[in-house]
Protein backbone atom coordinates (compact mmCIF):
# COMPACT_ATOMS: atom_id res chain seq x y z
CA UNK A 1 21.84 -57.62 38.59
CA UNK A 2 18.29 -57.97 37.01
CA UNK A 3 15.78 -55.39 37.87
CA UNK A 4 13.17 -55.87 40.81
CA UNK A 5 10.51 -56.60 38.19
CA UNK A 6 11.73 -59.48 37.00
CA UNK A 7 12.36 -61.30 40.01
CA UNK A 8 8.90 -63.39 41.61
CA UNK A 9 7.39 -61.33 44.26
CA UNK A 10 7.66 -64.40 46.60
CA UNK A 11 11.19 -64.47 46.03
CA UNK A 12 11.67 -60.16 47.12
CA UNK A 13 9.45 -61.40 50.37
CA UNK A 14 12.68 -63.72 51.37
CA UNK A 15 15.47 -61.32 49.90
CA UNK A 16 15.32 -58.01 52.09
CA UNK A 17 18.01 -56.64 50.74
CA UNK A 18 16.77 -56.79 46.93
CA UNK A 19 12.84 -55.58 48.13
CA UNK A 20 14.79 -52.78 50.05
CA UNK A 21 14.82 -50.88 46.35
CA UNK A 22 11.52 -51.05 46.22
CA UNK A 23 10.59 -50.08 49.60
CA UNK A 24 10.05 -53.65 50.96
CA UNK A 25 12.70 -53.81 53.78
CA UNK A 26 11.07 -57.13 55.95
CA UNK A 27 7.99 -59.07 55.71
CA UNK A 28 8.31 -61.41 59.09
CA UNK A 29 5.79 -63.89 60.90
CA UNK A 30 4.80 -66.32 57.93
CA UNK A 31 5.73 -70.06 58.42
CA UNK A 32 6.28 -71.30 54.77
CA UNK A 33 6.44 -69.66 51.56
CA UNK A 34 2.62 -70.79 51.09
CA UNK A 35 1.14 -68.35 53.51
CA UNK A 36 2.98 -65.64 51.81
CA UNK A 37 1.26 -66.34 48.25
CA UNK A 38 -2.03 -67.18 49.77
CA UNK A 39 -1.92 -64.08 51.81
CA UNK A 40 -1.14 -62.02 48.55
CA UNK A 41 -3.19 -63.80 46.31
CA UNK A 42 -6.16 -63.16 48.69
CA UNK A 43 -5.68 -59.23 49.33
CA UNK A 44 -3.75 -58.28 45.46
CA UNK A 45 -5.55 -55.47 44.09
CA UNK A 46 -6.24 -56.61 40.21
CA UNK A 47 -5.93 -53.18 39.07
CA UNK A 48 -5.45 -50.02 40.73
CA UNK A 49 -6.50 -46.25 39.21
CA UNK A 50 -6.05 -43.13 41.08
CA UNK A 51 -7.46 -41.21 38.46
CA UNK A 52 -10.82 -38.79 39.85
CA UNK A 53 -12.25 -35.47 38.83
CA UNK A 54 -13.99 -35.41 42.84
CA UNK A 55 -12.73 -32.34 44.63
CA UNK A 56 -11.16 -32.88 47.87
CA UNK A 57 -8.76 -35.88 48.96
CA UNK A 58 -10.13 -39.47 49.92
CA UNK A 59 -7.22 -40.58 51.04
CA UNK A 60 -5.21 -39.37 54.51
CA UNK A 61 -2.17 -38.56 52.63
CA UNK A 62 -2.49 -37.74 48.98
CA UNK A 63 0.85 -39.14 47.77
CA UNK A 64 2.39 -42.74 48.94
CA UNK A 65 3.67 -42.95 52.66
CA UNK A 66 6.24 -45.25 53.70
CA UNK A 67 4.96 -47.31 56.89
CA UNK A 68 4.25 -50.84 58.59
CA UNK A 69 1.85 -52.70 59.26
CA UNK A 70 0.89 -56.15 61.30
CA UNK A 71 -1.51 -58.13 59.56
CA UNK A 72 -4.56 -60.22 61.02
CA UNK A 73 -2.59 -63.35 59.70
CA UNK A 74 0.94 -62.29 61.83
CA UNK A 75 2.65 -60.75 59.26
CA UNK A 76 4.62 -58.00 59.67
CA UNK A 77 5.71 -55.38 56.85
CA UNK A 78 7.96 -52.67 57.33
CA UNK A 79 9.39 -50.16 54.89
CA UNK A 80 6.64 -50.38 52.55
CA UNK A 81 4.41 -48.07 50.61
CA UNK A 82 0.71 -47.27 52.19
CA UNK A 83 -2.56 -45.45 51.21
CA UNK A 84 -5.12 -44.96 53.85
CA UNK A 85 -8.13 -44.76 51.51
CA UNK A 86 -10.83 -42.74 54.08
CA UNK A 87 -13.74 -43.57 51.82
CA UNK A 88 -13.76 -47.23 52.05
CA UNK A 89 -11.90 -47.43 54.70
CA UNK A 90 -8.75 -49.73 53.13
CA UNK A 91 -5.06 -49.42 53.67
CA UNK A 92 -3.51 -50.10 49.88
CA UNK A 93 -0.17 -51.82 50.06
CA UNK A 94 2.25 -50.93 47.36
CA UNK A 95 5.16 -53.87 47.05
CA UNK A 96 6.74 -53.62 43.73
CA UNK A 97 3.79 -53.48 40.88
CA UNK A 98 1.94 -55.17 43.31
CA UNK A 99 -0.97 -53.66 45.29
CA UNK A 100 -2.60 -55.45 48.26
CA UNK A 101 -6.09 -54.61 49.79
CA UNK A 102 -7.11 -54.89 53.32
CA UNK A 103 -9.71 -53.41 55.77
CA UNK A 104 -9.49 -53.42 59.41
CA UNK A 105 -10.14 -57.18 59.66
CA UNK A 106 -7.54 -57.82 58.04
CA UNK A 107 -4.90 -55.56 59.86
CA UNK A 108 -3.98 -55.70 63.62
CA UNK A 109 -1.88 -51.86 63.54
CA UNK A 110 -0.29 -50.21 61.12
CA UNK A 111 2.31 -46.88 60.80
CA UNK A 112 2.32 -44.12 58.71
CA UNK A 113 5.58 -42.22 58.75
CA UNK A 114 4.63 -38.35 58.14
CA UNK A 115 8.21 -36.14 58.30
CA UNK A 116 9.43 -36.53 61.55
CA UNK A 117 6.37 -38.10 63.33
CA UNK A 118 5.25 -41.61 62.79
CA UNK A 119 1.15 -41.85 63.48
CA UNK A 120 0.05 -45.15 64.85
CA UNK A 121 -3.25 -46.66 63.72
CA UNK A 122 -4.96 -49.96 65.26
CA UNK A 123 -7.83 -52.03 64.78
CA UNK A 124 -10.56 -51.61 66.97
CA UNK A 125 -14.01 -53.06 67.49
CA UNK A 126 -17.06 -51.35 67.98
CA UNK A 127 -20.93 -50.74 66.44
CA UNK A 128 -20.84 -54.48 65.37
CA UNK A 129 -17.61 -54.19 63.06
CA UNK A 130 -14.15 -53.00 63.14
CA UNK A 131 -12.51 -49.79 62.11
CA UNK A 132 -8.96 -47.82 61.72
CA UNK A 133 -8.38 -45.72 64.52
CA UNK A 134 -5.41 -43.46 65.16
CA UNK A 135 -3.86 -43.22 68.66
CA UNK A 136 -3.31 -40.07 70.07
CA UNK A 137 -2.61 -41.53 73.73
CA UNK A 138 -2.09 -45.00 74.65
CA UNK A 139 -1.95 -45.61 78.10
CA UNK A 140 -2.01 -48.08 80.78
CA UNK A 141 -5.82 -47.37 81.47
CA UNK A 142 -7.11 -44.63 79.16
CA UNK A 143 -6.82 -44.23 75.23
CA UNK A 144 -7.52 -41.30 72.99
CA UNK A 145 -8.50 -42.55 69.61
CA UNK A 146 -9.39 -40.75 66.66
CA UNK A 147 -11.08 -42.34 63.36
CA UNK A 148 -10.35 -40.95 60.00
CA UNK A 149 -13.37 -40.81 57.26
CA UNK A 150 -14.50 -39.39 54.07
CA UNK A 151 -18.48 -39.15 52.50
CA UNK A 152 -18.65 -38.53 49.27
CA UNK A 153 -21.41 -35.26 48.74
CA UNK A 154 -22.44 -36.02 45.08
CA UNK A 155 -22.89 -32.72 42.52
CA UNK A 156 -26.79 -31.70 42.56
CA UNK A 157 -26.78 -28.44 40.35
CA UNK A 158 -29.57 -27.14 41.73
CA UNK A 159 -30.68 -23.92 40.19
CA UNK A 160 -27.71 -22.41 39.17
CA UNK A 161 -28.88 -18.86 37.96
CA UNK A 162 -29.57 -18.28 41.35
CA UNK A 163 -26.27 -19.93 42.86
CA UNK A 164 -27.93 -22.60 44.67
CA UNK A 165 -26.89 -26.54 44.58
CA UNK A 166 -23.67 -28.76 44.22
CA UNK A 167 -22.02 -27.68 41.11
CA UNK A 168 -19.44 -30.80 41.69
CA UNK A 169 -18.81 -34.16 43.16
CA UNK A 170 -16.50 -33.15 46.51
CA UNK A 171 -15.48 -36.16 48.98
CA UNK A 172 -15.87 -34.35 53.12
CA UNK A 173 -13.73 -35.20 55.80
CA UNK A 174 -15.06 -36.62 59.25
CA UNK A 175 -13.18 -36.93 62.46
CA UNK A 176 -14.56 -38.91 65.35
CA UNK A 177 -12.89 -39.25 68.89
CA UNK A 178 -13.52 -42.15 71.37
CA UNK A 179 -12.23 -43.04 74.71
CA UNK A 180 -11.20 -46.36 75.66
CA UNK A 181 -11.10 -47.28 79.37
CA UNK A 182 -9.20 -50.52 80.28
CA UNK A 183 -8.66 -51.31 77.27
CA UNK A 184 -12.45 -52.43 76.37
CA UNK A 185 -14.73 -49.62 76.61
CA UNK A 186 -15.09 -47.53 74.13
CA UNK A 187 -16.84 -43.97 74.42
CA UNK A 188 -17.78 -41.49 71.97
CA UNK A 189 -16.58 -38.02 72.87
CA UNK A 190 -17.19 -34.36 71.02
CA UNK A 191 -13.55 -32.92 72.92
CA UNK A 192 -14.31 -29.67 74.51
CA UNK A 193 -13.08 -28.34 78.13
CA UNK A 194 -16.70 -28.81 79.37
CA UNK A 195 -16.65 -32.63 77.94
CA UNK A 196 -13.60 -33.49 79.24
CA UNK A 197 -13.53 -31.92 82.91
CA UNK A 198 -16.56 -34.24 83.10
CA UNK A 199 -14.52 -37.13 81.60
CA UNK A 200 -11.93 -36.56 84.71
CA UNK A 201 -14.29 -35.56 87.07
CA UNK A 202 -12.13 -37.50 89.71
CA UNK A 203 -9.31 -34.69 88.98
CA UNK A 204 -11.77 -32.32 87.71
CA UNK A 205 -9.67 -29.45 89.71
CA UNK A 206 -6.43 -30.30 88.43
CA UNK A 207 -7.90 -30.71 84.81
CA UNK A 208 -9.13 -27.13 85.07
CA UNK A 209 -5.48 -26.27 86.01
CA UNK A 210 -3.36 -27.61 83.55
CA UNK A 211 -5.53 -26.46 80.68
CA UNK A 212 -5.65 -23.08 81.71
CA UNK A 213 -1.70 -23.03 82.78
CA UNK A 214 -0.86 -24.43 79.65
CA UNK A 215 -3.15 -22.62 77.45
CA UNK A 216 -3.73 -26.21 75.83
CA UNK A 217 -6.47 -25.99 72.23
CA UNK A 218 -8.58 -28.86 72.94
CA UNK A 219 -9.62 -28.40 69.02
CA UNK A 220 -5.92 -30.11 68.61
CA UNK A 221 -4.90 -33.12 68.74
CA UNK A 222 -1.16 -32.74 70.22
CA UNK A 223 -3.06 -30.60 73.41
CA UNK A 224 -5.39 -33.56 73.70
CA UNK A 225 -3.02 -36.04 74.05
CA UNK A 226 -1.03 -33.84 76.21
CA UNK A 227 -3.95 -33.70 78.75
CA UNK A 228 -4.72 -37.53 78.86
CA UNK A 229 -1.34 -38.20 79.41
CA UNK A 230 -1.19 -36.00 82.18
CA UNK A 231 -4.15 -37.35 83.70
CA UNK A 232 -3.29 -40.64 83.08
CA UNK A 233 0.26 -39.65 85.03
CA UNK A 234 -1.77 -38.36 88.16
CA UNK A 235 -3.47 -41.65 88.76
């Protein structure tokens, strides 16, 4: 059998059993071959270079992770290699030797497989633009969302003789939390017992008791998600 590299990319899309050796197990939703070729051409990166002398990490995970993507055009890509660029808010998809670049306007939702866990993300609009957010809890009436990002802190040597200033460029991570009510209203929050008790004021006493009984650490995403699930179940 010829190697995958010698097979045109659009053919790989229609031959899942061959593409499986390169990480692409399926791509569905396009009406014609022209749809797929147009999508790849529009989103393809002409070059890709990961070399960086900056400290820290601009990706959610440093290495490539397997995942699934549903694009705004309705394409479903399963079992592909993904990197989530938190600095530029782009998703980089690797198919064979081709890299595609998509922002939140080009993706409906995606998943990243991290060991035994699958992290779920979607594109939502607030502040006048679309953003990628992670679903920590997604209920019928309420959802807890987390936005990952980084900023680049530039080198500023200052007076190194006295130990002041920053002697290197560094990526600094940032995490923001949002509550979505009734699949529409989005409210930024800073998770704490005081904030969440106020948010769930219609069940204040039960929320306080549940936090205490289960020793929830509201700085941990899993515990936050558990509290939101509990609130949904008692309403």
